[in-house]
N, C-alpha and C. Protein backbone atom coordinates (compact mmCIF):
# COMPACT_ATOMS: atom_id res chain seq x y z
N MET A 1 -78.93 11.43 79.17
CA MET A 1 -78.41 12.65 79.78
C MET A 1 -79.12 12.88 81.11
N PRO A 2 -78.39 13.05 82.22
CA PRO A 2 -79.03 13.23 83.52
C PRO A 2 -79.73 14.58 83.62
N PRO A 3 -80.74 14.71 84.49
CA PRO A 3 -81.42 16.00 84.66
C PRO A 3 -80.46 17.08 85.14
N SER A 4 -80.77 18.31 84.80
CA SER A 4 -79.91 19.43 85.15
C SER A 4 -79.91 19.69 86.65
N VAL A 5 -78.77 20.17 87.15
CA VAL A 5 -78.65 20.65 88.52
C VAL A 5 -78.30 22.13 88.43
N VAL A 6 -79.22 22.98 88.88
CA VAL A 6 -79.09 24.43 88.71
C VAL A 6 -78.82 25.08 90.06
N LEU A 7 -77.81 25.94 90.12
CA LEU A 7 -77.53 26.71 91.32
C LEU A 7 -77.84 28.18 91.03
N VAL A 8 -78.65 28.78 91.90
CA VAL A 8 -79.05 30.17 91.76
C VAL A 8 -78.54 30.95 92.97
N THR A 9 -77.77 32.01 92.73
CA THR A 9 -77.30 32.84 93.83
C THR A 9 -78.32 33.96 94.08
N GLY A 10 -78.35 34.45 95.33
CA GLY A 10 -79.23 35.57 95.67
C GLY A 10 -80.69 35.20 95.74
N VAL A 11 -81.01 33.98 96.22
CA VAL A 11 -82.41 33.55 96.24
C VAL A 11 -83.23 34.22 97.33
N SER A 12 -82.58 34.92 98.27
CA SER A 12 -83.35 35.64 99.29
C SER A 12 -83.83 36.99 98.80
N ARG A 13 -83.35 37.43 97.65
CA ARG A 13 -83.85 38.64 97.01
C ARG A 13 -85.05 38.27 96.13
N TRP A 14 -85.87 39.26 95.83
CA TRP A 14 -87.13 38.95 95.16
C TRP A 14 -86.93 38.39 93.76
N LEU A 15 -85.96 38.90 93.00
CA LEU A 15 -85.78 38.42 91.64
C LEU A 15 -85.15 37.02 91.62
N GLY A 16 -84.10 36.82 92.43
CA GLY A 16 -83.49 35.50 92.50
C GLY A 16 -84.45 34.46 93.03
N GLY A 17 -85.25 34.83 94.03
CA GLY A 17 -86.23 33.90 94.57
C GLY A 17 -87.32 33.57 93.57
N ALA A 18 -87.76 34.58 92.82
CA ALA A 18 -88.81 34.35 91.81
C ALA A 18 -88.31 33.41 90.72
N LEU A 19 -87.04 33.57 90.33
CA LEU A 19 -86.48 32.67 89.31
C LEU A 19 -86.38 31.24 89.84
N ALA A 20 -85.88 31.09 91.08
CA ALA A 20 -85.77 29.75 91.66
C ALA A 20 -87.13 29.08 91.77
N ALA A 21 -88.15 29.86 92.10
CA ALA A 21 -89.51 29.31 92.20
C ALA A 21 -90.01 28.81 90.85
N GLU A 22 -89.70 29.56 89.78
CA GLU A 22 -90.11 29.13 88.44
C GLU A 22 -89.37 27.85 88.04
N LEU A 23 -88.08 27.79 88.34
CA LEU A 23 -87.31 26.60 88.00
C LEU A 23 -87.80 25.38 88.80
N ALA A 24 -88.18 25.62 90.07
CA ALA A 24 -88.66 24.51 90.91
C ALA A 24 -89.96 23.92 90.38
N ALA A 25 -90.71 24.73 89.65
CA ALA A 25 -91.98 24.24 89.09
C ALA A 25 -91.78 23.48 87.78
N ASP A 26 -90.56 23.43 87.29
CA ASP A 26 -90.27 22.74 86.03
C ASP A 26 -89.79 21.31 86.34
N PRO A 27 -90.60 20.31 86.03
CA PRO A 27 -90.23 18.93 86.37
C PRO A 27 -89.04 18.39 85.58
N SER A 28 -88.65 19.06 84.49
CA SER A 28 -87.52 18.58 83.70
C SER A 28 -86.18 18.89 84.35
N ILE A 29 -86.17 19.76 85.37
CA ILE A 29 -84.94 20.11 86.07
C ILE A 29 -84.79 19.21 87.28
N GLY A 30 -83.63 18.58 87.41
CA GLY A 30 -83.43 17.61 88.48
C GLY A 30 -83.39 18.22 89.86
N ARG A 31 -82.47 19.19 90.07
CA ARG A 31 -82.32 19.84 91.38
C ARG A 31 -82.13 21.34 91.19
N ILE A 32 -82.66 22.09 92.14
CA ILE A 32 -82.43 23.53 92.19
C ILE A 32 -81.84 23.85 93.55
N ILE A 33 -80.66 24.46 93.55
CA ILE A 33 -79.99 24.83 94.79
C ILE A 33 -79.95 26.35 94.87
N GLY A 34 -80.52 26.87 95.93
CA GLY A 34 -80.54 28.31 96.14
C GLY A 34 -79.52 28.72 97.18
N VAL A 35 -78.70 29.72 96.87
CA VAL A 35 -77.62 30.15 97.75
C VAL A 35 -77.80 31.61 98.12
N ASP A 36 -77.61 31.91 99.40
CA ASP A 36 -77.59 33.30 99.85
C ASP A 36 -76.98 33.34 101.24
N THR A 37 -76.63 34.55 101.69
CA THR A 37 -76.01 34.69 103.01
C THR A 37 -77.05 34.71 104.12
N VAL A 38 -78.30 35.01 103.78
CA VAL A 38 -79.39 35.02 104.77
C VAL A 38 -80.53 34.17 104.24
N PRO A 39 -81.29 33.53 105.15
CA PRO A 39 -82.42 32.70 104.69
C PRO A 39 -83.51 33.56 104.04
N PRO A 40 -84.26 32.99 103.11
CA PRO A 40 -85.37 33.73 102.52
C PRO A 40 -86.46 33.99 103.56
N ALA A 41 -87.24 35.04 103.34
CA ALA A 41 -88.38 35.32 104.19
C ALA A 41 -89.37 34.16 104.09
N PRO A 42 -90.21 33.96 105.13
CA PRO A 42 -91.15 32.83 105.11
C PRO A 42 -92.01 32.75 103.85
N ALA A 43 -92.52 33.89 103.38
CA ALA A 43 -93.35 33.87 102.17
C ALA A 43 -92.54 33.41 100.96
N MET A 44 -91.30 33.89 100.85
CA MET A 44 -90.46 33.47 99.74
C MET A 44 -90.08 32.01 99.87
N LEU A 45 -89.83 31.56 101.09
CA LEU A 45 -89.45 30.16 101.32
C LEU A 45 -90.55 29.22 100.86
N ARG A 46 -91.79 29.62 101.07
CA ARG A 46 -92.91 28.79 100.61
C ARG A 46 -92.97 28.76 99.08
N ARG A 47 -92.65 29.88 98.45
CA ARG A 47 -92.68 29.93 96.99
C ARG A 47 -91.58 29.08 96.37
N LEU A 48 -90.47 28.92 97.08
CA LEU A 48 -89.32 28.22 96.52
C LEU A 48 -89.58 26.74 96.29
N GLY A 49 -90.61 26.19 96.91
CA GLY A 49 -90.98 24.79 96.67
C GLY A 49 -89.85 23.83 96.98
N ARG A 50 -89.45 23.06 95.99
CA ARG A 50 -88.43 22.02 96.21
C ARG A 50 -87.00 22.56 96.11
N THR A 51 -86.85 23.87 95.98
CA THR A 51 -85.50 24.45 95.96
C THR A 51 -84.78 24.13 97.27
N GLU A 52 -83.54 23.66 97.16
CA GLU A 52 -82.74 23.35 98.35
C GLU A 52 -81.93 24.59 98.72
N PHE A 53 -82.25 25.19 99.86
CA PHE A 53 -81.55 26.39 100.26
C PHE A 53 -80.25 26.05 100.99
N VAL A 54 -79.16 26.71 100.58
CA VAL A 54 -77.86 26.54 101.22
C VAL A 54 -77.39 27.92 101.66
N ARG A 55 -77.16 28.06 102.96
CA ARG A 55 -76.66 29.35 103.46
C ARG A 55 -75.16 29.42 103.23
N ALA A 56 -74.76 30.21 102.26
CA ALA A 56 -73.35 30.30 101.89
C ALA A 56 -73.07 31.67 101.32
N ASP A 57 -71.82 32.09 101.43
CA ASP A 57 -71.38 33.39 100.94
C ASP A 57 -70.51 33.17 99.71
N ILE A 58 -70.91 33.78 98.58
CA ILE A 58 -70.14 33.57 97.35
C ILE A 58 -68.76 34.22 97.44
N ARG A 59 -68.53 35.08 98.42
CA ARG A 59 -67.21 35.67 98.60
C ARG A 59 -66.23 34.69 99.25
N ASN A 60 -66.76 33.58 99.74
CA ASN A 60 -65.95 32.57 100.40
C ASN A 60 -65.63 31.45 99.41
N PRO A 61 -64.38 31.01 99.32
CA PRO A 61 -64.04 29.92 98.39
C PRO A 61 -64.82 28.63 98.64
N LEU A 62 -65.47 28.50 99.80
CA LEU A 62 -66.25 27.30 100.09
C LEU A 62 -67.42 27.11 99.13
N ILE A 63 -67.78 28.19 98.39
CA ILE A 63 -68.85 28.04 97.41
C ILE A 63 -68.48 26.97 96.39
N GLY A 64 -67.17 26.79 96.17
CA GLY A 64 -66.72 25.76 95.24
C GLY A 64 -67.08 24.37 95.69
N LYS A 65 -67.09 24.13 97.00
CA LYS A 65 -67.47 22.82 97.53
C LYS A 65 -68.96 22.55 97.29
N VAL A 66 -69.77 23.59 97.39
CA VAL A 66 -71.20 23.42 97.12
C VAL A 66 -71.42 23.01 95.68
N ILE A 67 -70.72 23.68 94.75
CA ILE A 67 -70.87 23.37 93.32
C ILE A 67 -70.35 21.98 93.01
N ALA A 68 -69.20 21.63 93.57
CA ALA A 68 -68.60 20.33 93.28
C ALA A 68 -69.40 19.18 93.88
N ALA A 69 -69.86 19.36 95.12
CA ALA A 69 -70.58 18.27 95.80
C ALA A 69 -71.88 17.92 95.10
N ALA A 70 -72.55 18.92 94.52
CA ALA A 70 -73.84 18.68 93.86
C ALA A 70 -73.69 18.43 92.37
N SER A 71 -72.46 18.49 91.84
CA SER A 71 -72.22 18.35 90.39
C SER A 71 -73.10 19.32 89.60
N VAL A 72 -73.08 20.57 90.02
CA VAL A 72 -73.88 21.62 89.37
C VAL A 72 -73.44 21.79 87.92
N ASP A 73 -74.40 21.83 86.99
CA ASP A 73 -74.05 22.05 85.59
C ASP A 73 -74.46 23.43 85.09
N THR A 74 -75.36 24.11 85.83
CA THR A 74 -75.81 25.45 85.43
C THR A 74 -75.77 26.38 86.63
N VAL A 75 -75.07 27.49 86.50
CA VAL A 75 -74.98 28.50 87.56
C VAL A 75 -75.64 29.78 87.06
N VAL A 76 -76.61 30.29 87.83
CA VAL A 76 -77.28 31.54 87.50
C VAL A 76 -76.93 32.55 88.59
N HIS A 77 -76.15 33.56 88.23
CA HIS A 77 -75.63 34.51 89.22
C HIS A 77 -76.55 35.73 89.29
N MET A 78 -77.43 35.73 90.32
CA MET A 78 -78.39 36.81 90.50
C MET A 78 -78.01 37.74 91.66
N ASN A 79 -76.97 37.38 92.41
CA ASN A 79 -76.65 38.12 93.64
C ASN A 79 -75.75 39.31 93.35
N ILE A 80 -76.29 40.27 92.59
CA ILE A 80 -75.60 41.52 92.28
C ILE A 80 -76.37 42.65 92.94
N SER A 81 -75.74 43.36 93.84
CA SER A 81 -76.42 44.43 94.58
C SER A 81 -76.34 45.74 93.81
N SER A 82 -77.48 46.44 93.71
CA SER A 82 -77.52 47.69 92.95
C SER A 82 -77.50 48.93 93.83
N THR A 83 -77.70 48.76 95.16
CA THR A 83 -77.73 49.93 96.04
C THR A 83 -76.85 49.69 97.26
N PRO A 84 -76.08 50.72 97.67
CA PRO A 84 -75.24 50.57 98.87
C PRO A 84 -76.05 50.34 100.14
N VAL A 85 -77.28 50.89 100.18
CA VAL A 85 -78.10 50.77 101.39
C VAL A 85 -78.39 49.31 101.71
N GLY A 86 -78.74 48.53 100.69
CA GLY A 86 -79.08 47.14 100.91
C GLY A 86 -77.88 46.27 101.22
N SER A 87 -76.65 46.80 101.01
CA SER A 87 -75.45 46.00 101.22
C SER A 87 -74.63 46.45 102.43
N GLY A 88 -75.08 47.54 103.09
CA GLY A 88 -74.34 48.04 104.24
C GLY A 88 -73.31 49.09 103.90
N GLY A 89 -73.40 49.69 102.71
CA GLY A 89 -72.44 50.71 102.30
C GLY A 89 -71.77 50.37 100.99
N ARG A 90 -71.08 51.36 100.43
CA ARG A 90 -70.45 51.17 99.12
C ARG A 90 -69.34 50.11 99.18
N GLY A 91 -68.57 50.08 100.30
CA GLY A 91 -67.49 49.09 100.42
C GLY A 91 -68.01 47.67 100.38
N PRO A 92 -68.95 47.29 101.27
CA PRO A 92 -69.51 45.93 101.22
C PRO A 92 -70.22 45.63 99.90
N MET A 93 -70.85 46.65 99.31
CA MET A 93 -71.52 46.43 98.03
C MET A 93 -70.53 46.02 96.95
N LYS A 94 -69.41 46.73 96.86
CA LYS A 94 -68.39 46.40 95.85
C LYS A 94 -67.77 45.04 96.15
N GLU A 95 -67.58 44.73 97.43
CA GLU A 95 -67.00 43.44 97.79
C GLU A 95 -67.92 42.31 97.37
N LEU A 96 -69.23 42.47 97.63
CA LEU A 96 -70.19 41.44 97.24
C LEU A 96 -70.23 41.29 95.72
N ASN A 97 -70.33 42.41 95.03
CA ASN A 97 -70.49 42.36 93.58
C ASN A 97 -69.25 41.84 92.87
N VAL A 98 -68.10 42.47 93.14
CA VAL A 98 -66.89 42.18 92.38
C VAL A 98 -66.14 40.98 92.95
N ILE A 99 -65.80 41.03 94.23
CA ILE A 99 -65.06 39.92 94.84
C ILE A 99 -65.91 38.65 94.85
N GLY A 100 -67.20 38.80 95.16
CA GLY A 100 -68.09 37.64 95.15
C GLY A 100 -68.16 36.97 93.79
N THR A 101 -68.27 37.79 92.73
CA THR A 101 -68.31 37.23 91.38
C THR A 101 -67.00 36.55 91.02
N MET A 102 -65.88 37.16 91.41
CA MET A 102 -64.58 36.55 91.12
C MET A 102 -64.45 35.18 91.79
N GLN A 103 -64.88 35.07 93.04
CA GLN A 103 -64.81 33.79 93.75
C GLN A 103 -65.74 32.76 93.11
N LEU A 104 -66.94 33.21 92.71
CA LEU A 104 -67.89 32.30 92.08
C LEU A 104 -67.34 31.79 90.75
N LEU A 105 -66.76 32.68 89.95
CA LEU A 105 -66.21 32.26 88.66
C LEU A 105 -65.01 31.33 88.85
N ALA A 106 -64.21 31.60 89.88
CA ALA A 106 -63.08 30.70 90.15
C ALA A 106 -63.57 29.31 90.50
N ALA A 107 -64.66 29.25 91.28
CA ALA A 107 -65.24 27.95 91.64
C ALA A 107 -65.78 27.24 90.40
N CYS A 108 -66.43 28.00 89.51
CA CYS A 108 -66.97 27.41 88.27
C CYS A 108 -65.84 26.93 87.36
N GLN A 109 -64.75 27.67 87.34
CA GLN A 109 -63.62 27.28 86.49
C GLN A 109 -63.04 25.94 86.93
N ARG A 110 -63.02 25.71 88.25
CA ARG A 110 -62.45 24.47 88.77
C ARG A 110 -63.41 23.29 88.68
N ALA A 111 -64.69 23.56 88.46
CA ALA A 111 -65.70 22.50 88.46
C ALA A 111 -65.95 21.99 87.04
N PRO A 112 -65.52 20.78 86.72
CA PRO A 112 -65.73 20.27 85.36
C PRO A 112 -67.19 20.03 85.02
N SER A 113 -68.06 19.95 86.04
CA SER A 113 -69.49 19.69 85.78
C SER A 113 -70.20 20.91 85.21
N VAL A 114 -69.68 22.13 85.44
CA VAL A 114 -70.36 23.35 85.00
C VAL A 114 -70.31 23.47 83.48
N ARG A 115 -71.48 23.62 82.89
CA ARG A 115 -71.58 23.72 81.43
C ARG A 115 -72.30 24.99 80.98
N ARG A 116 -72.98 25.68 81.91
CA ARG A 116 -73.70 26.91 81.57
C ARG A 116 -73.54 27.92 82.70
N PHE A 117 -73.35 29.19 82.34
CA PHE A 117 -73.25 30.27 83.32
C PHE A 117 -74.09 31.44 82.82
N VAL A 118 -75.00 31.90 83.67
CA VAL A 118 -75.89 33.02 83.32
C VAL A 118 -75.67 34.14 84.33
N LEU A 119 -75.45 35.35 83.83
CA LEU A 119 -75.19 36.51 84.69
C LEU A 119 -76.33 37.52 84.57
N LYS A 120 -76.82 37.98 85.71
CA LYS A 120 -77.77 39.11 85.73
C LYS A 120 -76.96 40.40 85.72
N SER A 121 -76.92 41.05 84.57
CA SER A 121 -76.21 42.32 84.46
C SER A 121 -77.22 43.44 84.30
N THR A 122 -76.78 44.57 83.80
CA THR A 122 -77.65 45.74 83.73
C THR A 122 -77.34 46.58 82.50
N SER A 123 -78.35 47.26 81.99
CA SER A 123 -78.15 48.18 80.87
C SER A 123 -77.40 49.43 81.30
N ALA A 124 -77.15 49.58 82.61
CA ALA A 124 -76.37 50.73 83.10
C ALA A 124 -74.93 50.70 82.58
N VAL A 125 -74.47 49.54 82.11
CA VAL A 125 -73.10 49.47 81.57
C VAL A 125 -72.94 50.32 80.32
N TYR A 126 -74.04 50.70 79.66
CA TYR A 126 -73.96 51.54 78.47
C TYR A 126 -73.71 53.00 78.83
N GLY A 127 -73.89 53.37 80.10
CA GLY A 127 -73.69 54.75 80.50
C GLY A 127 -74.87 55.64 80.14
N ALA A 128 -74.67 56.93 80.33
CA ALA A 128 -75.74 57.90 80.03
C ALA A 128 -75.12 59.17 79.47
N SER A 129 -74.37 59.02 78.41
CA SER A 129 -73.71 60.17 77.78
C SER A 129 -74.68 60.90 76.86
N SER A 130 -74.49 62.20 76.73
CA SER A 130 -75.32 62.98 75.81
C SER A 130 -75.04 62.60 74.36
N ARG A 131 -73.94 61.92 74.12
CA ARG A 131 -73.58 61.50 72.75
C ARG A 131 -74.05 60.09 72.42
N ASP A 132 -74.80 59.49 73.34
CA ASP A 132 -75.27 58.12 73.12
C ASP A 132 -76.26 58.05 71.96
N PRO A 133 -76.28 56.93 71.25
CA PRO A 133 -77.30 56.73 70.20
C PRO A 133 -78.66 56.49 70.83
N ALA A 134 -79.70 56.59 70.02
CA ALA A 134 -81.05 56.35 70.54
C ALA A 134 -81.24 54.91 70.96
N VAL A 135 -80.57 53.99 70.26
CA VAL A 135 -80.70 52.56 70.56
C VAL A 135 -79.31 51.94 70.61
N PHE A 136 -79.04 51.19 71.65
CA PHE A 136 -77.78 50.47 71.78
C PHE A 136 -77.94 49.04 71.25
N THR A 137 -76.86 48.48 70.73
CA THR A 137 -76.82 47.05 70.43
C THR A 137 -75.90 46.38 71.44
N GLU A 138 -75.92 45.06 71.48
CA GLU A 138 -75.13 44.33 72.46
C GLU A 138 -73.63 44.50 72.24
N THR A 139 -73.23 44.85 71.02
CA THR A 139 -71.80 44.98 70.73
C THR A 139 -71.26 46.38 71.05
N MET A 140 -72.14 47.33 71.34
CA MET A 140 -71.71 48.70 71.62
C MET A 140 -71.17 48.82 73.04
N GLN A 141 -70.29 49.80 73.23
CA GLN A 141 -69.76 50.10 74.54
C GLN A 141 -70.13 51.52 74.94
N ALA A 142 -69.97 51.82 76.23
CA ALA A 142 -70.32 53.15 76.72
C ALA A 142 -69.44 54.22 76.08
N ARG A 143 -70.05 55.32 75.66
CA ARG A 143 -69.28 56.44 75.11
C ARG A 143 -68.46 57.11 76.23
N ARG A 144 -69.01 57.06 77.42
CA ARG A 144 -68.33 57.62 78.58
C ARG A 144 -68.47 56.62 79.72
N VAL A 145 -67.38 56.36 80.45
CA VAL A 145 -67.42 55.39 81.54
C VAL A 145 -68.46 55.81 82.57
N PRO A 146 -69.41 54.95 82.91
CA PRO A 146 -70.45 55.32 83.87
C PRO A 146 -69.85 55.76 85.20
N SER A 147 -70.51 56.73 85.84
CA SER A 147 -69.99 57.28 87.08
C SER A 147 -70.53 56.56 88.31
N GLY A 148 -71.64 55.87 88.19
CA GLY A 148 -72.25 55.21 89.34
C GLY A 148 -71.49 53.95 89.74
N GLY A 149 -71.48 53.66 91.04
CA GLY A 149 -70.77 52.48 91.54
C GLY A 149 -71.33 51.18 91.01
N PHE A 150 -72.66 51.07 90.92
CA PHE A 150 -73.28 49.84 90.42
C PHE A 150 -72.90 49.59 88.97
N ALA A 151 -72.93 50.65 88.15
CA ALA A 151 -72.57 50.50 86.73
C ALA A 151 -71.10 50.11 86.58
N ARG A 152 -70.22 50.74 87.36
CA ARG A 152 -68.79 50.39 87.28
C ARG A 152 -68.55 48.95 87.74
N ASP A 153 -69.25 48.55 88.81
CA ASP A 153 -69.14 47.15 89.25
C ASP A 153 -69.57 46.21 88.14
N SER A 154 -70.66 46.55 87.48
CA SER A 154 -71.20 45.67 86.43
C SER A 154 -70.25 45.57 85.25
N LEU A 155 -69.59 46.68 84.90
CA LEU A 155 -68.58 46.63 83.84
C LEU A 155 -67.45 45.69 84.21
N ASP A 156 -66.97 45.79 85.47
CA ASP A 156 -65.90 44.89 85.93
C ASP A 156 -66.37 43.44 85.90
N ILE A 157 -67.60 43.21 86.37
CA ILE A 157 -68.13 41.84 86.44
C ILE A 157 -68.23 41.24 85.05
N GLU A 158 -68.75 42.00 84.10
CA GLU A 158 -68.85 41.48 82.73
C GLU A 158 -67.47 41.15 82.17
N GLY A 159 -66.47 41.96 82.51
CA GLY A 159 -65.11 41.67 82.07
C GLY A 159 -64.60 40.37 82.65
N TYR A 160 -64.87 40.12 83.93
CA TYR A 160 -64.45 38.85 84.55
C TYR A 160 -65.16 37.67 83.92
N VAL A 161 -66.43 37.84 83.56
CA VAL A 161 -67.18 36.75 82.94
C VAL A 161 -66.62 36.44 81.55
N ARG A 162 -66.26 37.47 80.80
CA ARG A 162 -65.65 37.23 79.47
C ARG A 162 -64.30 36.52 79.61
N ALA A 163 -63.53 36.89 80.64
CA ALA A 163 -62.26 36.20 80.87
C ALA A 163 -62.49 34.74 81.23
N PHE A 164 -63.53 34.49 82.03
CA PHE A 164 -63.88 33.11 82.38
C PHE A 164 -64.26 32.33 81.12
N GLN A 165 -64.99 32.95 80.22
CA GLN A 165 -65.40 32.28 78.99
C GLN A 165 -64.20 31.94 78.12
N ARG A 166 -63.18 32.79 78.13
CA ARG A 166 -61.98 32.47 77.37
C ARG A 166 -61.23 31.29 77.98
N ARG A 167 -61.26 31.18 79.30
CA ARG A 167 -60.57 30.07 79.97
C ARG A 167 -61.36 28.77 79.87
N ARG A 168 -62.70 28.90 79.82
CA ARG A 168 -63.55 27.70 79.71
C ARG A 168 -64.46 27.85 78.49
N PRO A 169 -63.91 27.75 77.27
CA PRO A 169 -64.71 28.01 76.07
C PRO A 169 -65.84 27.02 75.86
N GLU A 170 -65.78 25.86 76.52
CA GLU A 170 -66.85 24.88 76.36
C GLU A 170 -68.08 25.22 77.19
N VAL A 171 -68.00 26.23 78.07
CA VAL A 171 -69.13 26.64 78.89
C VAL A 171 -69.96 27.68 78.14
N ASP A 172 -71.26 27.45 78.06
CA ASP A 172 -72.17 28.43 77.44
C ASP A 172 -72.40 29.56 78.42
N VAL A 173 -72.18 30.80 77.98
CA VAL A 173 -72.31 31.97 78.84
C VAL A 173 -73.35 32.92 78.27
N ALA A 174 -74.22 33.41 79.15
CA ALA A 174 -75.22 34.42 78.77
C ALA A 174 -75.17 35.55 79.79
N MET A 175 -75.12 36.80 79.30
CA MET A 175 -75.16 37.97 80.17
C MET A 175 -76.42 38.76 79.83
N LEU A 176 -77.32 38.87 80.78
CA LEU A 176 -78.62 39.53 80.56
C LEU A 176 -78.57 40.93 81.15
N ARG A 177 -78.68 41.94 80.29
CA ARG A 177 -78.60 43.33 80.74
C ARG A 177 -80.00 43.88 80.97
N PHE A 178 -80.45 43.76 82.20
CA PHE A 178 -81.79 44.22 82.56
C PHE A 178 -81.83 45.74 82.69
N THR A 179 -83.00 46.30 82.40
CA THR A 179 -83.26 47.71 82.70
C THR A 179 -84.01 47.77 84.03
N ASN A 180 -84.49 48.96 84.40
CA ASN A 180 -85.23 49.11 85.66
C ASN A 180 -86.53 48.32 85.62
N PHE A 181 -86.81 47.62 86.70
CA PHE A 181 -88.05 46.85 86.79
C PHE A 181 -89.18 47.74 87.30
N ILE A 182 -90.38 47.46 86.80
CA ILE A 182 -91.55 48.19 87.25
C ILE A 182 -92.73 47.24 87.26
N GLY A 183 -93.64 47.43 88.19
CA GLY A 183 -94.81 46.56 88.30
C GLY A 183 -95.55 46.84 89.59
N PRO A 184 -96.76 46.28 89.74
CA PRO A 184 -97.58 46.59 90.92
C PRO A 184 -96.99 46.10 92.23
N ARG A 185 -96.12 45.08 92.20
CA ARG A 185 -95.57 44.54 93.44
C ARG A 185 -94.10 44.92 93.65
N ILE A 186 -93.60 45.85 92.84
CA ILE A 186 -92.20 46.25 92.95
C ILE A 186 -92.11 47.59 93.66
N ASP A 187 -91.33 47.62 94.73
CA ASP A 187 -91.13 48.83 95.52
C ASP A 187 -89.69 49.28 95.35
N SER A 188 -89.49 50.35 94.61
CA SER A 188 -88.14 50.87 94.36
C SER A 188 -88.21 52.39 94.30
N LEU A 189 -87.04 53.03 94.19
CA LEU A 189 -87.01 54.48 94.05
C LEU A 189 -87.78 54.93 92.81
N LEU A 190 -87.65 54.16 91.73
CA LEU A 190 -88.30 54.54 90.49
C LEU A 190 -89.82 54.41 90.58
N THR A 191 -90.30 53.28 91.12
CA THR A 191 -91.76 53.12 91.24
C THR A 191 -92.33 54.14 92.22
N GLY A 192 -91.56 54.47 93.27
CA GLY A 192 -92.00 55.51 94.19
C GLY A 192 -92.11 56.87 93.50
N PHE A 193 -91.18 57.13 92.59
CA PHE A 193 -91.20 58.36 91.81
C PHE A 193 -92.46 58.44 90.95
N PHE A 194 -92.80 57.33 90.30
CA PHE A 194 -93.98 57.32 89.43
C PHE A 194 -95.29 57.35 90.21
N ARG A 195 -95.24 56.98 91.50
CA ARG A 195 -96.47 57.00 92.32
C ARG A 195 -96.77 58.38 92.89
N MET A 196 -95.87 59.33 92.71
CA MET A 196 -96.09 60.68 93.23
C MET A 196 -97.30 61.32 92.55
N PRO A 197 -98.05 62.16 93.27
CA PRO A 197 -99.22 62.83 92.66
C PRO A 197 -98.84 63.63 91.42
N VAL A 198 -97.68 64.28 91.49
CA VAL A 198 -97.15 65.03 90.35
C VAL A 198 -95.72 64.56 90.11
N VAL A 199 -95.43 64.11 88.90
CA VAL A 199 -94.10 63.59 88.58
C VAL A 199 -93.27 64.69 87.93
N PRO A 200 -92.18 65.13 88.59
CA PRO A 200 -91.33 66.18 87.99
C PRO A 200 -90.64 65.68 86.73
N THR A 201 -90.49 66.56 85.77
CA THR A 201 -89.75 66.24 84.54
C THR A 201 -88.81 67.40 84.23
N ALA A 202 -87.87 67.14 83.33
CA ALA A 202 -86.92 68.17 82.92
C ALA A 202 -87.57 69.07 81.87
N LEU A 203 -87.58 70.38 82.12
CA LEU A 203 -88.24 71.32 81.22
C LEU A 203 -87.57 71.31 79.84
N GLY A 204 -88.39 71.11 78.82
CA GLY A 204 -87.89 71.16 77.46
C GLY A 204 -87.11 69.94 77.02
N TYR A 205 -87.14 68.86 77.81
CA TYR A 205 -86.37 67.66 77.45
C TYR A 205 -87.20 66.43 77.74
N ASP A 206 -87.39 65.61 76.73
CA ASP A 206 -88.17 64.39 76.87
C ASP A 206 -87.18 63.21 77.01
N ALA A 207 -86.90 62.86 78.25
CA ALA A 207 -85.86 61.85 78.51
C ALA A 207 -86.33 60.46 78.08
N ARG A 208 -85.39 59.66 77.60
CA ARG A 208 -85.68 58.27 77.25
C ARG A 208 -85.58 57.42 78.51
N VAL A 209 -86.59 56.60 78.75
CA VAL A 209 -86.60 55.71 79.90
C VAL A 209 -86.95 54.30 79.43
N GLN A 210 -86.11 53.32 79.79
CA GLN A 210 -86.41 51.93 79.46
C GLN A 210 -86.84 51.22 80.73
N LEU A 211 -87.92 50.46 80.62
CA LEU A 211 -88.47 49.75 81.77
C LEU A 211 -88.73 48.30 81.39
N LEU A 212 -88.65 47.41 82.38
CA LEU A 212 -88.97 46.00 82.18
C LEU A 212 -90.07 45.61 83.13
N HIS A 213 -91.22 45.24 82.60
CA HIS A 213 -92.37 44.90 83.43
C HIS A 213 -92.25 43.45 83.84
């Protein structure tokens, strides 16, 4: 069996780049191809090691040529934007998330070499209804459709991935629903909130918060 060829989208972002760097350090993986619309920062580029960076836009059907030319067998889709600010507004954010995923899945469907597809999703798909249970399982759905754009995009994306799995049942599919990340090197609205001298809370209500370190 030949060594795996892994394609990772969104390698110029910190999470996609960190994953590509970990894969590059694994000698059992044959090739790692990192895809993004902009080159990684110099520090990230050094971390990527032997990762082959390809400047490409997943919204463009040409992504299929990248997958076919390298005979990619594993696609890890990390290029999901969670904030309009980082994408240039809500319109470009939805285009990147939804249209980009559709184009990527279409390319994977046409590529007979693809055998595994991994999606970075979010626990935001469960929503935040007052009627929610204390703990969700993977088979549960939102009691109320989430109102945020990122959550709605993620619901659409997961639906497209399930449709892809029905069309290509021989492909192993995994959808990872991450919660908010926290750690000493993570700079986000949430970590900024926790760094405040005094952290505001809701009076008389102990909210549930899930974090991933």
